[in-house]
């Protein structure tokens, strides 16, 4: 005749099971978040193909994509009208690559010819309003394409070919090109007419 000597296990309350499962779910969510954080650094993101990066980026809240593929996000809403191709925009800007490397930045308010920029930057300016601040993503086809941009002084490559360009731009003011040229002539004491504004960012 045998006897049962095992110690009986007390039944687990339903509420304890619920808390146990909640703890497991939270732990899994935390692990996923840590894993994502580890793969979303600029260096890791830079290794993702441009098309996949842009497809993911356009899902970011506040980011809109135009028919050309330009992506723009309003950081601070501006007011009034927008510049046209015949205007000069006065801006503060910073240009970066996908890995976070800064390749250009204005040191002071900078006049830029709206119609004389790379096509993606020009399109973005025409969507901005005075006083607004924006972040824009320019795919290679709207930027410098497959051609790398080098520093004219050092010869070092500042923008590799097929780069997505990321800019933060604040539109301070804009005025007609003719008015800007007249102002420049007055400042130079009546110099030759038709003086061109500075080159586009990244040149």
Protein backbone atom coordinates (compact mmCIF):
# COMPACT_ATOMS: atom_id res chain seq x y z
CA UNK A 1 0.00 0.00 0.00
CA UNK A 2 1.47 3.25 -1.05
CA UNK A 3 0.89 6.67 0.37
CA UNK A 4 1.04 10.05 -1.26
CA UNK A 5 3.72 12.14 0.41
CA UNK A 6 3.95 15.08 -2.04
CA UNK A 7 3.29 18.48 -0.55
CA UNK A 8 0.08 19.88 -2.01
CA UNK A 9 0.32 23.23 -3.88
CA UNK A 10 -2.13 25.85 -2.83
CA UNK A 11 -4.32 27.15 -5.68
CA UNK A 12 -3.16 30.46 -7.20
CA UNK A 13 -5.57 33.35 -7.03
CA UNK A 14 -6.81 34.73 -10.35
CA UNK A 15 -5.62 38.25 -9.48
CA UNK A 16 -2.08 37.01 -8.92
CA UNK A 17 -2.08 35.37 -12.36
CA UNK A 18 -3.25 38.61 -13.94
CA UNK A 19 -0.40 40.55 -12.33
CA UNK A 20 2.06 37.87 -13.37
CA UNK A 21 1.00 38.11 -17.01
CA UNK A 22 1.08 41.89 -16.88
CA UNK A 23 4.63 41.74 -15.58
CA UNK A 24 5.65 39.46 -18.44
CA UNK A 25 4.04 41.77 -21.03
CA UNK A 26 5.80 44.83 -19.57
CA UNK A 27 9.13 43.00 -19.57
CA UNK A 28 8.70 42.02 -23.22
CA UNK A 29 7.71 45.56 -24.18
CA UNK A 30 10.76 46.92 -22.40
CA UNK A 31 13.03 44.50 -24.21
CA UNK A 32 11.53 45.48 -27.57
CA UNK A 33 11.97 49.18 -26.77
CA UNK A 34 15.61 48.64 -25.84
CA UNK A 35 16.19 46.66 -29.00
CA UNK A 36 14.61 49.41 -31.12
CA UNK A 37 16.66 52.09 -29.35
CA UNK A 38 19.77 50.16 -30.19
CA UNK A 39 18.86 50.01 -33.88
CA UNK A 40 17.58 53.57 -34.33
CA UNK A 41 20.82 55.45 -33.70
CA UNK A 42 21.96 57.70 -36.58
CA UNK A 43 24.81 55.34 -37.49
CA UNK A 44 22.47 52.34 -37.68
CA UNK A 45 19.76 54.27 -39.51
CA UNK A 46 22.35 55.42 -42.06
CA UNK A 47 22.86 51.80 -43.11
CA UNK A 48 19.20 51.43 -44.13
CA UNK A 49 18.56 51.95 -47.87
CA UNK A 50 17.28 55.42 -48.75
CA UNK A 51 13.90 54.15 -49.99
CA UNK A 52 13.22 52.23 -46.78
CA UNK A 53 14.38 55.13 -44.62
CA UNK A 54 12.10 57.60 -46.40
CA UNK A 55 9.16 55.17 -46.41
CA UNK A 56 9.51 54.86 -42.63
CA UNK A 57 10.21 58.55 -42.06
CA UNK A 58 7.04 59.73 -43.80
CA UNK A 59 5.03 57.84 -41.17
CA UNK A 60 6.47 60.14 -38.47
CA UNK A 61 3.71 62.33 -36.98
CA UNK A 62 3.72 65.74 -38.64
CA UNK A 63 5.75 64.68 -41.68
CA UNK A 64 4.10 65.15 -45.07
CA UNK A 65 5.38 64.01 -48.46
CA UNK A 66 4.80 65.95 -51.67
CA UNK A 67 4.18 64.45 -55.10
CA UNK A 68 7.90 64.80 -55.90
CA UNK A 69 8.94 62.85 -52.81
CA UNK A 70 10.09 65.82 -50.72
CA UNK A 71 9.31 65.31 -47.03
CA UNK A 72 8.65 68.29 -44.75
CA UNK A 73 7.72 68.75 -41.11
CA UNK A 74 6.57 72.02 -39.56
CA UNK A 75 8.31 72.71 -36.26
CA UNK A 76 7.00 76.26 -35.81
CA UNK A 77 4.08 77.51 -37.91
CA UNK A 78 4.73 80.66 -39.92
CA UNK A 79 2.25 83.23 -41.21
CA UNK A 80 1.38 84.98 -44.45
CA UNK A 81 2.40 84.18 -48.00
CA UNK A 82 5.17 81.89 -49.23
CA UNK A 83 8.21 82.74 -51.40
CA UNK A 84 8.22 82.19 -55.16
CA UNK A 85 10.98 81.39 -57.64
CA UNK A 86 11.49 85.12 -58.25
CA UNK A 87 12.19 85.85 -54.56
CA UNK A 88 15.23 85.77 -52.31
CA UNK A 89 14.61 84.00 -49.00
CA UNK A 90 16.49 85.05 -45.88
CA UNK A 91 16.98 81.99 -43.72
CA UNK A 92 18.87 80.30 -40.94
CA UNK A 93 19.66 76.70 -41.83
CA UNK A 94 21.58 73.60 -40.84
CA UNK A 95 22.26 70.70 -43.21
CA UNK A 96 22.92 67.13 -42.07
CA UNK A 97 23.36 63.66 -43.48
CA UNK A 98 21.38 60.65 -42.27
CA UNK A 99 24.21 59.66 -39.93
CA UNK A 100 23.84 62.99 -38.14
CA UNK A 101 26.98 64.57 -39.64
CA UNK A 102 26.54 68.30 -40.21
CA UNK A 103 27.86 69.40 -43.61
CA UNK A 104 26.73 73.03 -43.67
CA UNK A 105 25.16 75.66 -41.42
CA UNK A 106 24.49 79.38 -41.63
CA UNK A 107 26.34 81.56 -39.15
CA UNK A 108 23.94 84.46 -39.66
CA UNK A 109 20.76 85.23 -41.63
CA UNK A 110 21.58 84.12 -45.18
CA UNK A 111 19.91 85.27 -48.44
CA UNK A 112 19.25 82.41 -50.85
CA UNK A 113 17.69 82.64 -54.34
CA UNK A 114 14.58 80.47 -54.23
CA UNK A 115 14.77 79.59 -57.91
CA UNK A 116 18.51 78.93 -57.82
CA UNK A 117 18.62 76.16 -55.26
CA UNK A 118 18.70 72.39 -55.63
CA UNK A 119 15.16 71.42 -56.62
CA UNK A 120 14.20 69.87 -53.27
CA UNK A 121 15.33 72.90 -51.29
CA UNK A 122 13.61 75.26 -53.70
CA UNK A 123 10.35 73.31 -53.44
CA UNK A 124 10.56 73.33 -49.66
CA UNK A 125 11.11 77.10 -49.49
CA UNK A 126 7.97 77.64 -51.55
CA UNK A 127 5.98 75.68 -48.93
CA UNK A 128 7.26 77.77 -46.02
CA UNK A 129 5.81 80.87 -44.43
CA UNK A 130 7.63 83.77 -42.81
CA UNK A 131 8.55 83.12 -39.20
CA UNK A 132 8.17 79.37 -39.59
CA UNK A 133 10.74 76.72 -38.79
CA UNK A 134 10.83 73.44 -40.70
CA UNK A 135 12.68 70.16 -41.06
CA UNK A 136 13.01 68.77 -44.57
CA UNK A 137 14.27 65.51 -46.07
CA UNK A 138 15.52 65.74 -49.65
CA UNK A 139 16.04 62.49 -51.54
CA UNK A 140 19.07 62.29 -53.86
CA UNK A 141 16.96 62.83 -57.00
CA UNK A 142 15.92 66.24 -55.61
CA UNK A 143 19.40 67.03 -54.29
CA UNK A 144 22.83 66.27 -55.70
CA UNK A 145 22.04 62.83 -57.12
CA UNK A 146 24.93 60.40 -57.42
CA UNK A 147 27.59 63.12 -57.57
CA UNK A 148 29.55 63.65 -54.34
CA UNK A 149 30.10 67.24 -53.21
CA UNK A 150 33.63 68.09 -52.14
CA UNK A 151 35.08 70.91 -50.06
CA UNK A 152 36.73 73.28 -52.58
CA UNK A 153 39.49 74.09 -50.10
CA UNK A 154 40.41 70.64 -48.84
CA UNK A 155 39.01 68.37 -51.54
CA UNK A 156 37.37 66.21 -48.87
CA UNK A 157 33.96 64.75 -49.65
CA UNK A 158 31.37 66.59 -47.58
CA UNK A 159 28.27 65.01 -49.13
CA UNK A 160 28.64 61.48 -50.53
CA UNK A 161 26.78 60.58 -53.70
CA UNK A 162 23.17 59.38 -53.35
CA UNK A 163 22.76 61.11 -49.99
CA UNK A 164 19.45 62.03 -48.40
CA UNK A 165 19.88 65.63 -47.23
CA UNK A 166 18.24 66.73 -43.99
CA UNK A 167 17.81 70.44 -43.33
CA UNK A 168 16.42 72.49 -40.50
CA UNK A 169 15.34 75.82 -41.95
CA UNK A 170 13.90 78.96 -40.38
CA UNK A 171 12.40 81.41 -42.87
CA UNK A 172 13.04 84.89 -41.49
CA UNK A 173 12.01 86.99 -44.47
CA UNK A 174 11.74 87.00 -48.25
CA UNK A 175 11.72 89.74 -50.87
CA UNK A 176 11.71 90.06 -54.66
CA UNK A 177 15.04 89.42 -56.40
CA UNK A 178 14.91 92.90 -57.98
CA UNK A 179 14.58 94.55 -54.56
CA UNK A 180 17.42 92.46 -53.17
CA UNK A 181 19.70 93.40 -56.07
CA UNK A 182 18.93 97.09 -55.59
CA UNK A 183 19.80 96.79 -51.90
CA UNK A 184 23.10 95.10 -52.78
CA UNK A 185 23.94 97.83 -55.30
CA UNK A 186 23.29 100.50 -52.70
CA UNK A 187 25.48 98.74 -50.15
CA UNK A 188 28.31 98.40 -52.66
CA UNK A 189 28.04 102.03 -53.66
CA UNK A 190 26.40 101.53 -57.03
CA UNK A 191 28.23 98.42 -58.29
CA UNK A 192 27.39 96.46 -61.43
CA UNK A 193 23.70 95.47 -61.60
CA UNK A 194 22.51 91.90 -61.47
CA UNK A 195 24.84 90.70 -58.72
CA UNK A 196 23.99 87.10 -57.80
CA UNK A 197 23.17 86.09 -54.24
CA UNK A 198 25.27 83.46 -52.44
CA UNK A 199 25.22 79.86 -53.77
CA UNK A 200 22.81 77.24 -52.44
CA UNK A 201 23.62 75.34 -49.22
CA UNK A 202 26.04 72.51 -49.73
CA UNK A 203 27.82 74.08 -52.73
